[in-house]
Amino acid sequence: MADTPKTDILLVDDEPRNLLALQQLLEAPDRNLVLAGSGDEALRAVLKCDFAVILLDVRMPALDGFETAKLIRGRTRSRQTPIIFVTGVYEDVSSVSRGYEVGAVDYILKPIVPDVLKSKVSVFVELYRKTAELNRQKEALRAEARASGQRFYDLVQGLDAIVWEARADQNRFSFVSQRAESMLGYSVGRWLAEPDFRTCIIHHDDATATRAAYERAYREGGTHALEYRVTAADGRELWLRDHVYAKHGGDGDNGAQDGHAQVRGVMVDITRQKEIEAALAGHSEHLEELVEARTADLSALSAHLENVREEEKAGLARELHDELGSILTALALDVSWLQKRMNNSGQPFADKLQAVRGLIDSAVKTTRGIMQDLRPTLLDDVGIAAAISWQSQEFSKRNGIACKLELFDEQAKLDEMRSISLFRILQEALTNITRHAQASEVRIVLRSGDDGIALEVHDNGIGIAANDAHKPMSHGLTGMRERVRRLGGRIAIAAPSGGGTLIEVVLPAAIAGADGVLASAGDPAVSGASLSIVSR
């Protein structure tokens, strides 16, 4: 293992005897003391090194300490370097104020008390080292994020479908996968450069209806499926099915923050399917088999992308917890240790330590929030009941909507796939309540019985209109249904007589395995999900 690099400290004084004294006081095997006899020498040293702290004599001929500090602070690289003024002359209030204005963090009067000087310098050296280590960890996380993004990009480019992204208000694509060029013959550059390029290639007989369908999808948000004909670059007529998902600003990750919809979609060539449908007109049983096969393919693709996303989130959350979390905790403990050992005479220094501690606490809180958004640790450590309890509390804090909980007492952890599915379904249901329900209270029930695991989410809002309830893609039901289908369960949405909306999800009975984790009692790959919409 390589030796830890030495930390650089700059000592500036026009008296050689003072420099020698400072050097003798502060020498240590892990430090590199750089000596400067004037302000000019100090500025040249700052150009070469990054210093953990600078001890600067105030009274120097030519360039005094105030001017030297001001010039050091003028450089971006050394703007944050701590500067401690050292002077043998009693400073009046105006001089001290001037020193702080040009960037000093402290004053030390000669004759110097060795223990005080060593303590102050040691704190800044340790902070410098911790900051450097934290920056290295941040860069490692950025590199991993870039690698994760590249893996996802490679996955998208390999799909036999056109993956795209756009801003509804900008009327042009911001991203399309390479499949756009090989499928339709138009270059990716043209897709991105030409405004409203999609309208240019839509078959003239479908243009008006298709434009209206896209506008409705952008306006309403959520998931929509559109089918229409396009004309390829070589004149061929193709059928596309575009699975569109529109998210408005403020609703989560990557949403546009100005209220315009951030829109993503996946275009699939269904020309062959349409040809078969035409050829098999009147033979509904064959057509149904074909539709089921194509639906299974799309469902498998959706499941794969969903699993990749969950794995990436979980991995990134673990990295934040294991690496960044441990560093911040160690730094907080070190600052607490120093605070306990400060006496009354070090009050200014104690105040600065308290400020540093506040910054550390803020970083810990921010890191914890990011980890919980990516993958709640309660879901893995304690189980689905605890995760639902935490999510309901966060929901109430953000929206002012009361949550009443009825949760079964878990004796064993629910298997990971079921836990994640139930948790994501709850998140989608609460999001819909925030957007549409105008509710003041939500009742959440999680129960375990002979028929399996059941989740109920019931709000006291305005309810769901009959025509909306029968749209298979309203209120995010498509994503919920796909999750439940893969686990062989059922989902129902109801308008109870007492008002509001009730969503009920039931996953099939499970069997406790030898490892204590609940496992599926059936084969979810071949089990079907039922979706019913009823009035109560």
Protein backbone atom coordinates (compact mmCIF):
# COMPACT_ATOMS: atom_id res chain seq x y z
CA MET A 1 0.00 0.00 0.00
CA ALA A 2 1.39 3.41 -0.94
CA ASP A 3 2.41 5.83 1.84
CA THR A 4 -0.04 8.60 2.69
CA PRO A 5 1.13 11.82 0.98
CA LYS A 6 2.41 14.57 3.24
CA THR A 7 0.21 17.57 3.94
CA ASP A 8 1.64 20.95 2.90
CA ILE A 9 1.67 23.87 5.37
CA LEU A 10 2.91 27.36 4.42
CA LEU A 11 4.77 29.50 7.04
CA VAL A 12 5.27 33.18 6.10
CA ASP A 13 7.40 35.60 8.19
CA ASP A 14 10.09 38.15 7.30
CA GLU A 15 12.07 37.19 10.45
CA PRO A 16 14.13 33.99 9.94
CA ARG A 17 14.12 33.33 13.68
CA ASN A 18 10.33 33.33 13.74
CA LEU A 19 10.20 30.97 10.79
CA LEU A 20 12.63 28.60 12.49
CA ALA A 21 10.56 28.67 15.68
CA LEU A 22 7.35 27.91 13.80
CA GLN A 23 9.07 25.12 11.90
CA GLN A 24 10.30 23.48 15.07
CA LEU A 25 6.86 23.69 16.68
CA LEU A 26 4.94 22.23 13.76
CA GLU A 27 7.33 19.61 12.37
CA ALA A 28 5.83 16.14 11.97
CA PRO A 29 6.59 13.12 9.72
CA ASP A 30 3.31 13.54 7.82
CA ARG A 31 3.74 17.26 7.16
CA ASN A 32 5.72 19.23 4.61
CA LEU A 33 6.50 22.72 5.94
CA VAL A 34 7.11 25.33 3.24
CA LEU A 35 8.90 28.50 4.41
CA ALA A 36 8.49 31.95 2.84
CA GLY A 37 10.31 35.10 3.96
CA SER A 38 8.04 37.60 2.21
CA GLY A 39 4.64 38.04 0.66
CA ASP A 40 6.08 37.56 -2.83
CA GLU A 41 7.65 34.22 -1.85
CA ALA A 42 4.35 33.16 -0.32
CA LEU A 43 2.47 33.92 -3.54
CA ARG A 44 4.96 31.90 -5.58
CA ALA A 45 4.56 28.97 -3.18
CA VAL A 46 0.76 29.11 -3.46
CA LEU A 47 1.10 28.79 -7.23
CA LYS A 48 2.90 25.47 -6.79
CA CYS A 49 1.07 23.75 -3.93
CA ASP A 50 -2.32 23.33 -2.29
CA PHE A 51 -1.88 24.08 1.41
CA ALA A 52 -3.94 22.75 4.29
CA VAL A 53 -3.35 26.00 6.22
CA ILE A 54 -1.23 29.18 5.89
CA LEU A 55 0.38 30.94 8.90
CA LEU A 56 0.95 34.53 7.76
CA ASP A 57 2.84 37.34 9.54
CA VAL A 58 0.87 40.59 9.43
CA ARG A 59 3.73 43.10 9.62
CA MET A 60 6.08 42.55 6.68
CA PRO A 61 7.92 45.10 4.53
CA ALA A 62 6.80 45.66 0.94
CA LEU A 63 3.83 43.26 0.67
CA ASP A 64 2.23 43.01 4.13
CA GLY A 65 0.08 40.17 5.41
CA PHE A 66 -3.22 41.84 4.52
CA GLU A 67 -2.28 42.35 0.86
CA THR A 68 -0.74 38.88 0.65
CA ALA A 69 -3.93 37.28 2.03
CA LYS A 70 -6.07 39.28 -0.38
CA LEU A 71 -4.00 38.09 -3.37
CA ILE A 72 -4.10 34.49 -2.16
CA ARG A 73 -7.89 34.68 -1.86
CA GLY A 74 -8.05 36.10 -5.37
CA ARG A 75 -6.94 32.78 -6.88
CA THR A 76 -9.69 30.21 -7.43
CA ARG A 77 -7.44 27.35 -6.39
CA SER A 78 -6.48 28.89 -3.01
CA ARG A 79 -9.73 30.77 -2.31
CA GLN A 80 -10.78 28.34 0.42
CA THR A 81 -7.34 27.79 2.01
CA PRO A 82 -7.48 28.71 5.76
CA ILE A 83 -5.21 31.66 6.70
CA ILE A 84 -4.13 32.31 10.32
CA PHE A 85 -2.57 35.74 10.92
CA VAL A 86 0.44 35.78 13.28
CA THR A 87 1.52 39.12 14.74
CA GLY A 88 3.64 40.43 17.60
CA VAL A 89 1.76 43.70 17.77
CA TYR A 90 -1.55 44.09 19.58
CA GLU A 91 -4.18 44.63 16.90
CA ASP A 92 -7.02 47.08 17.35
CA VAL A 93 -10.58 46.23 16.31
CA SER A 94 -10.26 47.78 12.85
CA SER A 95 -7.10 45.80 12.04
CA VAL A 96 -8.66 42.55 13.19
CA SER A 97 -11.77 43.33 11.14
CA ARG A 98 -9.59 44.02 8.11
CA GLY A 99 -7.84 40.71 8.60
CA TYR A 100 -11.11 38.80 8.58
CA GLU A 101 -12.30 40.75 5.53
CA VAL A 102 -9.31 39.61 3.48
CA GLY A 103 -9.85 35.98 4.41
CA ALA A 104 -8.31 35.23 7.80
CA VAL A 105 -9.91 32.50 9.87
CA ASP A 106 -8.03 33.36 13.10
CA TYR A 107 -5.46 35.62 14.80
CA ILE A 108 -2.51 34.44 16.94
CA LEU A 109 -0.49 36.94 18.99
CA LYS A 110 3.22 36.57 19.70
CA PRO A 111 4.63 35.21 21.91
CA ILE A 112 2.89 32.09 20.68
CA VAL A 113 1.45 29.48 23.04
CA PRO A 114 2.78 26.24 21.48
CA ASP A 115 -0.14 23.99 22.48
CA VAL A 116 -2.72 26.43 21.09
CA LEU A 117 -0.87 26.78 17.79
CA LYS A 118 -0.39 23.03 17.41
CA SER A 119 -4.04 22.32 18.18
CA LYS A 120 -5.34 24.84 15.66
CA VAL A 121 -3.02 23.71 12.90
CA SER A 122 -3.80 20.03 13.58
CA VAL A 123 -7.53 20.65 13.13
CA PHE A 124 -7.05 22.31 9.75
CA VAL A 125 -4.65 19.57 8.62
CA GLU A 126 -7.17 16.88 9.56
CA LEU A 127 -10.02 18.74 7.85
CA TYR A 128 -7.89 19.08 4.73
CA ARG A 129 -7.18 15.34 4.68
CA LYS A 130 -10.80 14.39 5.27
CA THR A 131 -11.94 16.79 2.56
CA ALA A 132 -9.40 15.36 0.12
CA GLU A 133 -10.57 11.83 0.89
CA LEU A 134 -14.20 12.86 0.50
CA ASN A 135 -13.42 14.42 -2.90
CA ARG A 136 -11.74 11.19 -3.99
CA GLN A 137 -14.80 9.22 -2.96
CA LYS A 138 -17.11 11.63 -4.78
CA GLU A 139 -15.07 11.26 -7.95
CA ALA A 140 -15.25 7.48 -7.62
CA LEU A 141 -19.04 7.70 -7.30
CA ARG A 142 -19.21 9.97 -10.35
CA ALA A 143 -17.13 7.47 -12.32
CA GLU A 144 -19.44 4.64 -11.28
CA ALA A 145 -22.49 6.72 -12.24
CA ARG A 146 -20.96 7.38 -15.65
CA ALA A 147 -20.26 3.66 -16.06
CA SER A 148 -23.83 2.83 -15.01
CA GLY A 149 -25.17 5.35 -17.53
CA GLN A 150 -23.02 3.82 -20.24
CA ARG A 151 -24.31 0.34 -19.44
CA PHE A 152 -27.90 1.57 -19.66
CA TYR A 153 -27.10 3.41 -22.91
CA ASP A 154 -25.60 0.22 -24.39
CA LEU A 155 -28.70 -1.71 -23.34
CA VAL A 156 -31.02 0.82 -25.00
CA GLN A 157 -29.00 0.85 -28.20
CA GLY A 158 -29.24 -2.94 -28.41
CA LEU A 159 -33.03 -3.08 -28.25
CA ASP A 160 -35.05 -3.92 -31.34
CA ALA A 161 -37.09 -0.77 -30.81
CA ILE A 162 -36.67 3.01 -31.04
CA VAL A 163 -36.18 4.52 -27.59
CA TRP A 164 -36.72 8.27 -27.56
CA GLU A 165 -36.97 11.29 -25.29
CA ALA A 166 -38.39 14.78 -25.86
CA ARG A 167 -39.64 17.93 -24.16
CA ALA A 168 -43.28 18.62 -24.99
CA ASP A 169 -42.73 22.37 -25.22
CA GLN A 170 -39.65 22.17 -27.47
CA ASN A 171 -41.37 20.24 -30.27
CA ARG A 172 -38.29 18.13 -31.07
CA PHE A 173 -36.49 14.98 -29.94
CA SER A 174 -33.65 15.30 -27.43
CA PHE A 175 -32.61 11.62 -27.80
CA VAL A 176 -33.30 8.69 -30.12
CA SER A 177 -31.54 5.33 -30.19
CA GLN A 178 -29.60 4.07 -33.22
CA ARG A 179 -32.46 1.71 -34.11
CA ALA A 180 -34.31 4.78 -35.48
CA GLU A 181 -31.88 4.90 -38.41
CA SER A 182 -31.86 1.19 -39.23
CA MET A 183 -35.64 0.80 -38.84
CA LEU A 184 -36.84 3.77 -40.90
CA GLY A 185 -33.76 4.87 -42.85
CA TYR A 186 -33.61 8.46 -41.52
CA SER A 187 -30.36 9.49 -39.78
CA VAL A 188 -30.33 10.08 -36.03
CA GLY A 189 -29.07 13.60 -36.70
CA ARG A 190 -32.19 14.36 -38.70
CA TRP A 191 -34.46 13.02 -35.96
CA LEU A 192 -32.78 15.38 -33.49
CA ALA A 193 -32.36 18.45 -35.70
CA GLU A 194 -35.71 18.84 -37.45
CA PRO A 195 -38.60 20.30 -35.40
CA ASP A 196 -41.58 17.97 -35.06
CA PHE A 197 -39.82 15.32 -37.15
CA ARG A 198 -42.30 12.65 -36.13
CA THR A 199 -45.18 14.52 -37.81
CA CYS A 200 -43.15 14.63 -41.03
CA ILE A 201 -43.04 10.84 -41.32
CA ILE A 202 -46.57 9.95 -40.14
CA HIS A 203 -48.83 8.69 -42.91
CA HIS A 204 -51.12 11.50 -44.08
CA ASP A 205 -54.27 9.47 -43.33
CA ASP A 206 -53.19 9.07 -39.67
CA ALA A 207 -51.61 12.51 -39.14
CA THR A 208 -54.50 14.42 -37.58
CA ALA A 209 -55.61 11.71 -35.15
CA THR A 210 -52.06 10.88 -34.15
CA ARG A 211 -51.11 14.47 -33.43
CA ALA A 212 -54.20 14.83 -31.24
CA ALA A 213 -53.33 11.61 -29.40
CA TYR A 214 -49.79 12.83 -28.63
CA GLU A 215 -51.08 16.20 -27.42
CA ARG A 216 -53.54 14.43 -25.12
CA ALA A 217 -50.77 12.17 -23.76
CA TYR A 218 -48.52 15.16 -23.07
CA ARG A 219 -51.35 17.04 -21.38
CA GLU A 220 -52.66 14.22 -19.21
CA GLY A 221 -49.32 12.64 -18.33
CA GLY A 222 -48.91 8.97 -17.46
CA THR A 223 -48.64 6.08 -19.90
CA HIS A 224 -50.28 5.89 -23.33
CA ALA A 225 -50.01 3.51 -26.31
CA LEU A 226 -50.45 4.89 -29.81
CA GLU A 227 -50.51 3.02 -33.12
CA TYR A 228 -50.10 4.68 -36.52
CA ARG A 229 -48.49 4.31 -39.94
CA VAL A 230 -45.25 6.00 -41.02
CA THR A 231 -43.40 6.33 -44.31
CA ALA A 232 -39.79 5.08 -44.29
CA ALA A 233 -36.99 6.83 -46.17
CA ASP A 234 -37.23 4.26 -49.01
CA GLY A 235 -41.01 4.76 -49.37
CA ARG A 236 -42.13 1.67 -47.42
CA GLU A 237 -45.22 1.97 -45.26
CA LEU A 238 -44.71 0.68 -41.70
CA TRP A 239 -46.89 0.40 -38.63
CA LEU A 240 -45.49 1.62 -35.29
CA ARG A 241 -46.76 1.19 -31.75
CA ASP A 242 -45.41 3.96 -29.52
CA HIS A 243 -45.54 3.41 -25.75
CA VAL A 244 -45.46 6.98 -24.41
CA TYR A 245 -44.81 8.05 -20.83
CA ALA A 246 -45.21 11.75 -19.94
CA LYS A 247 -44.11 13.15 -16.58
CA HIS A 248 -44.77 16.75 -15.59
CA GLY A 249 -42.30 18.94 -13.69
CA GLY A 250 -41.86 18.40 -9.96
CA ASP A 251 -43.13 14.80 -9.99
CA GLY A 252 -39.79 13.07 -9.56
CA ASP A 253 -36.43 12.33 -11.12
CA ASN A 254 -35.57 14.07 -14.35
CA GLY A 255 -38.98 15.74 -14.68
CA ALA A 256 -38.98 19.17 -16.30
CA GLN A 257 -39.02 21.78 -13.55
CA ASP A 258 -41.00 24.44 -15.43
CA GLY A 259 -44.31 22.54 -15.73
CA HIS A 260 -43.73 21.20 -19.24
CA ALA A 261 -43.94 17.44 -19.74
CA GLN A 262 -40.77 15.37 -19.95
CA VAL A 263 -41.75 12.64 -22.41
CA ARG A 264 -40.19 9.27 -23.13
CA GLY A 265 -41.31 6.45 -25.35
CA VAL A 266 -40.50 3.16 -27.04
CA MET A 267 -41.51 2.68 -30.70
CA VAL A 268 -41.95 -0.92 -31.86
CA ASP A 269 -42.36 -2.03 -35.47
CA ILE A 270 -45.71 -3.87 -35.58
CA THR A 271 -45.97 -4.02 -39.36
CA ARG A 272 -45.77 -7.80 -39.44
CA GLN A 273 -48.40 -8.04 -36.71
CA LYS A 274 -50.75 -5.82 -38.69
CA GLU A 275 -50.21 -7.91 -41.81
CA ILE A 276 -51.05 -11.06 -39.90
CA GLU A 277 -54.12 -9.41 -38.37
CA ALA A 278 -55.36 -8.55 -41.84
CA ALA A 279 -54.65 -12.05 -43.14
CA LEU A 280 -56.35 -13.68 -40.16
CA ALA A 281 -59.49 -11.53 -40.20
CA GLY A 282 -62.32 -13.64 -38.83
CA HIS A 283 -59.93 -16.05 -37.06
CA SER A 284 -60.02 -14.41 -33.65
CA GLU A 285 -58.42 -17.31 -31.82
CA HIS A 286 -55.23 -17.05 -33.87
CA LEU A 287 -55.21 -13.29 -33.57
CA GLU A 288 -55.52 -13.55 -29.79
CA GLU A 289 -52.52 -15.87 -29.62
CA LEU A 290 -50.47 -13.44 -31.69
CA VAL A 291 -51.43 -10.49 -29.51
CA GLU A 292 -50.55 -12.44 -26.36
CA ALA A 293 -47.16 -13.37 -27.79
CA ARG A 294 -46.36 -9.76 -28.66
CA THR A 295 -47.63 -8.60 -25.27
CA ALA A 296 -45.42 -11.16 -23.56
CA ASP A 297 -42.42 -9.87 -25.49
CA LEU A 298 -43.13 -6.29 -24.46
CA SER A 299 -43.79 -7.37 -20.89
CA ALA A 300 -40.46 -9.23 -20.78
CA LEU A 301 -38.71 -6.12 -22.08
CA SER A 302 -40.46 -3.98 -19.48
CA ALA A 303 -39.53 -6.40 -16.70
CA HIS A 304 -35.89 -6.48 -17.80
CA LEU A 305 -35.61 -2.68 -17.89
CA GLU A 306 -37.35 -2.44 -14.53
CA ASN A 307 -34.96 -4.97 -12.94
CA VAL A 308 -31.93 -3.18 -14.36
CA ARG A 309 -33.15 0.12 -12.92
CA GLU A 310 -33.82 -1.40 -9.47
CA GLU A 311 -30.40 -3.10 -9.41
CA GLU A 312 -28.65 0.15 -10.37
CA LYS A 313 -30.55 2.06 -7.68
CA ALA A 314 -29.76 -0.53 -5.03
CA GLY A 315 -26.08 -0.63 -6.02
CA LEU A 316 -25.71 3.13 -5.94
CA ALA A 317 -27.51 3.34 -2.58
CA ARG A 318 -25.11 0.73 -1.13
CA GLU A 319 -22.10 2.66 -2.42
CA LEU A 320 -23.37 5.88 -0.83
CA HIS A 321 -24.02 4.11 2.48
CA ASP A 322 -20.77 2.12 2.66
CA GLU A 323 -18.32 4.69 1.33
CA LEU A 324 -19.61 8.24 1.72
CA GLY A 325 -21.63 7.49 4.86
CA SER A 326 -18.64 6.03 6.73
CA ILE A 327 -16.45 8.99 5.80
CA LEU A 328 -19.00 11.57 6.99
CA THR A 329 -19.55 9.65 10.23
CA ALA A 330 -15.81 9.51 10.95
CA LEU A 331 -15.47 13.22 10.23
CA ALA A 332 -18.37 14.05 12.55
CA LEU A 333 -16.82 11.97 15.35
CA ASP A 334 -13.48 13.73 14.93
CA VAL A 335 -15.09 17.17 15.14
CA SER A 336 -17.08 16.10 18.24
CA TRP A 337 -13.86 14.91 19.84
CA LEU A 338 -12.24 18.29 19.25
CA GLN A 339 -15.28 20.17 20.55
CA LYS A 340 -15.19 18.28 23.85
CA ARG A 341 -11.57 19.26 24.37
CA MET A 342 -11.96 22.98 23.71
CA ASN A 343 -11.75 25.28 26.72
CA ASN A 344 -13.48 28.65 27.16
CA SER A 345 -10.54 30.58 25.71
CA GLY A 346 -11.02 28.87 22.40
CA GLN A 347 -14.61 30.05 21.88
CA PRO A 348 -14.05 31.56 18.38
CA PHE A 349 -12.45 28.31 17.31
CA ALA A 350 -15.26 26.31 18.93
CA ASP A 351 -17.81 28.35 16.96
CA LYS A 352 -16.01 27.48 13.75
CA LEU A 353 -15.98 23.80 14.70
CA GLN A 354 -19.72 24.00 15.36
CA ALA A 355 -20.23 25.48 11.89
CA VAL A 356 -18.17 22.64 10.40
CA ARG A 357 -20.28 20.16 12.36
CA GLY A 358 -23.44 21.73 10.93
CA LEU A 359 -22.13 21.29 7.40
CA ILE A 360 -21.30 17.65 8.12
CA ASP A 361 -24.79 17.03 9.55
CA SER A 362 -26.32 18.63 6.46
CA ALA A 363 -24.22 16.39 4.19
CA VAL A 364 -25.26 13.31 6.17
CA LYS A 365 -28.94 14.30 5.91
CA THR A 366 -28.66 14.92 2.18
CA THR A 367 -26.85 11.61 1.60
CA ARG A 368 -29.44 9.74 3.65
CA GLY A 369 -32.26 11.33 1.62
CA ILE A 370 -30.65 10.31 -1.67
CA MET A 371 -30.20 6.73 -0.44
CA GLN A 372 -33.82 6.49 0.68
CA ASP A 373 -35.08 7.81 -2.67
CA LEU A 374 -32.96 5.27 -4.55
CA ARG A 375 -33.80 2.26 -2.35
CA PRO A 376 -35.28 2.51 1.19
CA THR A 377 -32.95 0.61 3.52
CA LEU A 378 -35.94 -0.38 5.64
CA LEU A 379 -37.19 -2.49 2.72
CA ASP A 380 -34.09 -4.71 2.85
CA ASP A 381 -33.24 -4.50 6.57
CA VAL A 382 -36.63 -4.70 8.29
CA GLY A 383 -39.24 -5.52 5.66
CA ILE A 384 -42.18 -4.24 3.67
CA ALA A 385 -44.30 -3.22 6.69
CA ALA A 386 -41.63 -0.90 8.06
CA ALA A 387 -40.94 0.52 4.58
CA ILE A 388 -44.63 1.29 4.08
CA SER A 389 -44.76 3.00 7.48
CA TRP A 390 -41.77 5.17 6.57
CA GLN A 391 -43.19 6.02 3.11
CA SER A 392 -46.52 7.07 4.59
CA GLN A 393 -44.79 9.39 7.07
CA GLU A 394 -42.77 11.00 4.27
CA PHE A 395 -45.94 11.36 2.18
CA SER A 396 -47.75 13.10 5.05
CA LYS A 397 -44.84 15.47 5.65
CA ARG A 398 -44.65 16.51 1.99
CA ASN A 399 -48.37 16.83 1.24
CA GLY A 400 -50.13 17.42 4.57
CA ILE A 401 -52.40 14.41 3.97
CA ALA A 402 -52.98 12.21 7.02
CA CYS A 403 -52.22 8.48 6.73
CA LYS A 404 -53.84 5.75 8.81
CA LEU A 405 -51.99 2.43 8.80
CA GLU A 406 -53.03 -1.16 9.49
CA LEU A 407 -49.96 -3.34 8.98
CA PHE A 408 -49.53 -7.01 9.77
CA ASP A 409 -46.70 -8.02 12.09
CA GLU A 410 -44.06 -9.54 9.81
CA GLN A 411 -42.46 -12.67 11.16
CA ALA A 412 -40.17 -13.15 8.17
CA LYS A 413 -38.92 -10.97 5.35
CA LEU A 414 -41.04 -10.96 2.22
CA ASP A 415 -39.01 -12.03 -0.81
CA GLU A 416 -37.28 -9.17 -2.62
CA MET A 417 -39.42 -9.22 -5.79
CA ARG A 418 -42.69 -9.02 -3.86
CA SER A 419 -41.39 -6.38 -1.45
CA ILE A 420 -40.19 -4.11 -4.26
CA SER A 421 -43.41 -4.60 -6.26
CA LEU A 422 -45.68 -3.76 -3.33
CA PHE A 423 -43.56 -0.75 -2.37
CA ARG A 424 -43.48 0.68 -5.92
CA ILE A 425 -47.25 0.12 -6.30
CA LEU A 426 -47.79 2.07 -3.05
CA GLN A 427 -45.58 4.91 -4.34
CA GLU A 428 -47.55 5.08 -7.61
CA ALA A 429 -50.87 5.08 -5.74
CA LEU A 430 -49.75 7.91 -3.42
CA THR A 431 -48.48 9.89 -6.42
CA ASN A 432 -51.90 9.58 -8.08
CA ILE A 433 -53.58 10.72 -4.87
CA THR A 434 -51.36 13.81 -4.77
CA ARG A 435 -52.13 14.63 -8.42
CA HIS A 436 -55.82 13.91 -8.70
CA ALA A 437 -57.66 12.88 -5.53
CA GLN A 438 -57.93 16.17 -3.56
CA ALA A 439 -57.91 13.98 -0.47
CA SER A 440 -57.28 14.86 3.18
CA GLU A 441 -56.77 11.32 4.46
CA VAL A 442 -55.43 7.99 3.18
CA ARG A 443 -55.94 4.56 4.77
CA ILE A 444 -53.28 1.95 4.01
CA VAL A 445 -53.79 -1.71 4.93
CA LEU A 446 -51.23 -4.52 4.58
CA ARG A 447 -52.50 -7.92 5.57
CA SER A 448 -51.40 -11.52 5.26
CA GLY A 449 -53.88 -14.35 4.91
CA ASP A 450 -54.55 -17.68 3.26
CA ASP A 451 -55.08 -15.94 -0.08
CA GLY A 452 -51.67 -14.25 0.08
CA ILE A 453 -50.38 -10.76 0.78
CA ALA A 454 -52.85 -7.90 0.24
CA LEU A 455 -52.26 -4.15 0.01
CA GLU A 456 -55.16 -1.68 0.14
CA VAL A 457 -54.87 2.08 -0.45
CA HIS A 458 -58.10 4.01 0.17
CA ASP A 459 -58.37 7.81 -0.03
CA ASN A 460 -61.30 10.06 0.87
CA GLY A 461 -60.94 12.26 -2.22
CA ILE A 462 -63.22 13.06 -5.14
CA GLY A 463 -63.17 9.49 -6.44
CA ILE A 464 -62.64 8.15 -9.93
CA ALA A 465 -65.00 8.84 -12.82
CA ALA A 466 -66.59 5.81 -14.47
CA ASN A 467 -65.15 6.59 -17.91
CA ASP A 468 -61.66 7.03 -16.41
CA ALA A 469 -61.90 3.86 -14.37
CA HIS A 470 -62.37 1.75 -17.49
CA LYS A 471 -59.31 3.16 -19.23
CA PRO A 472 -56.67 0.46 -18.74
CA MET A 473 -53.87 3.00 -18.59
CA SER A 474 -55.38 5.64 -16.29
CA HIS A 475 -53.73 6.53 -12.97
CA GLY A 476 -50.65 4.42 -13.61
CA LEU A 477 -52.58 1.14 -13.62
CA THR A 478 -50.53 -0.22 -16.50
CA GLY A 479 -47.33 -0.28 -14.43
CA MET A 480 -49.18 -1.70 -11.41
CA ARG A 481 -50.85 -4.41 -13.49
CA GLU A 482 -47.56 -5.49 -15.06
CA ARG A 483 -45.90 -5.84 -11.66
CA VAL A 484 -48.82 -7.85 -10.29
CA ARG A 485 -49.12 -9.99 -13.43
CA ARG A 486 -45.52 -11.18 -13.18
CA LEU A 487 -46.25 -12.39 -9.65
CA GLY A 488 -49.53 -14.09 -10.55
CA GLY A 489 -51.68 -11.75 -8.43
CA ARG A 490 -54.72 -9.56 -9.00
CA ILE A 491 -55.44 -5.84 -8.78
CA ALA A 492 -58.78 -4.05 -8.43
CA ILE A 493 -59.81 -0.40 -8.35
CA ALA A 494 -63.11 0.51 -6.73
CA ALA A 495 -65.27 3.53 -5.99
CA PRO A 496 -66.62 2.74 -2.49
CA SER A 497 -70.05 4.02 -1.50
CA GLY A 498 -68.45 6.20 1.17
CA GLY A 499 -66.47 8.11 -1.46
CA GLY A 500 -62.87 8.25 -2.61
CA THR A 501 -60.94 5.59 -4.47
CA LEU A 502 -59.79 2.16 -3.31
CA ILE A 503 -56.92 0.23 -4.91
CA GLU A 504 -56.51 -3.37 -3.78
CA VAL A 505 -53.59 -5.61 -4.76
CA VAL A 506 -53.37 -9.27 -3.77
CA LEU A 507 -50.27 -11.37 -4.38
CA PRO A 508 -50.65 -15.17 -4.19
CA ALA A 509 -49.94 -17.21 -1.08
CA ALA A 510 -46.26 -17.80 -0.34
CA ILE A 511 -44.32 -20.55 1.38
CA ALA A 512 -41.54 -19.93 3.90
CA GLY A 513 -38.32 -21.42 2.57
CA ALA A 514 -35.47 -22.97 4.51
CA ASP A 515 -33.70 -19.62 4.71
CA GLY A 516 -36.72 -17.92 6.33
CA VAL A 517 -37.53 -15.79 3.30
CA LEU A 518 -40.99 -16.06 1.80
CA ALA A 519 -40.99 -17.61 -1.68
CA SER A 520 -43.70 -17.85 -4.35
CA ALA A 521 -46.18 -20.69 -4.16
CA GLY A 522 -46.67 -20.69 -7.92
CA ASP A 523 -44.77 -19.94 -11.08
CA PRO A 524 -45.22 -16.20 -11.75
CA ALA A 525 -43.95 -16.61 -15.29
CA VAL A 526 -47.10 -18.51 -16.25
CA SER A 527 -49.56 -17.01 -13.77
CA GLY A 528 -52.00 -14.39 -14.99
CA ALA A 529 -53.04 -11.16 -13.29
CA SER A 530 -56.63 -10.04 -13.10
CA LEU A 531 -57.67 -6.38 -13.19
CA SER A 532 -61.21 -5.59 -12.10
CA ILE A 533 -62.95 -2.24 -11.72
CA VAL A 534 -66.02 -2.26 -9.47
CA SER A 535 -68.33 0.00 -7.48
CA ARG A 536 -68.98 -0.64 -3.81
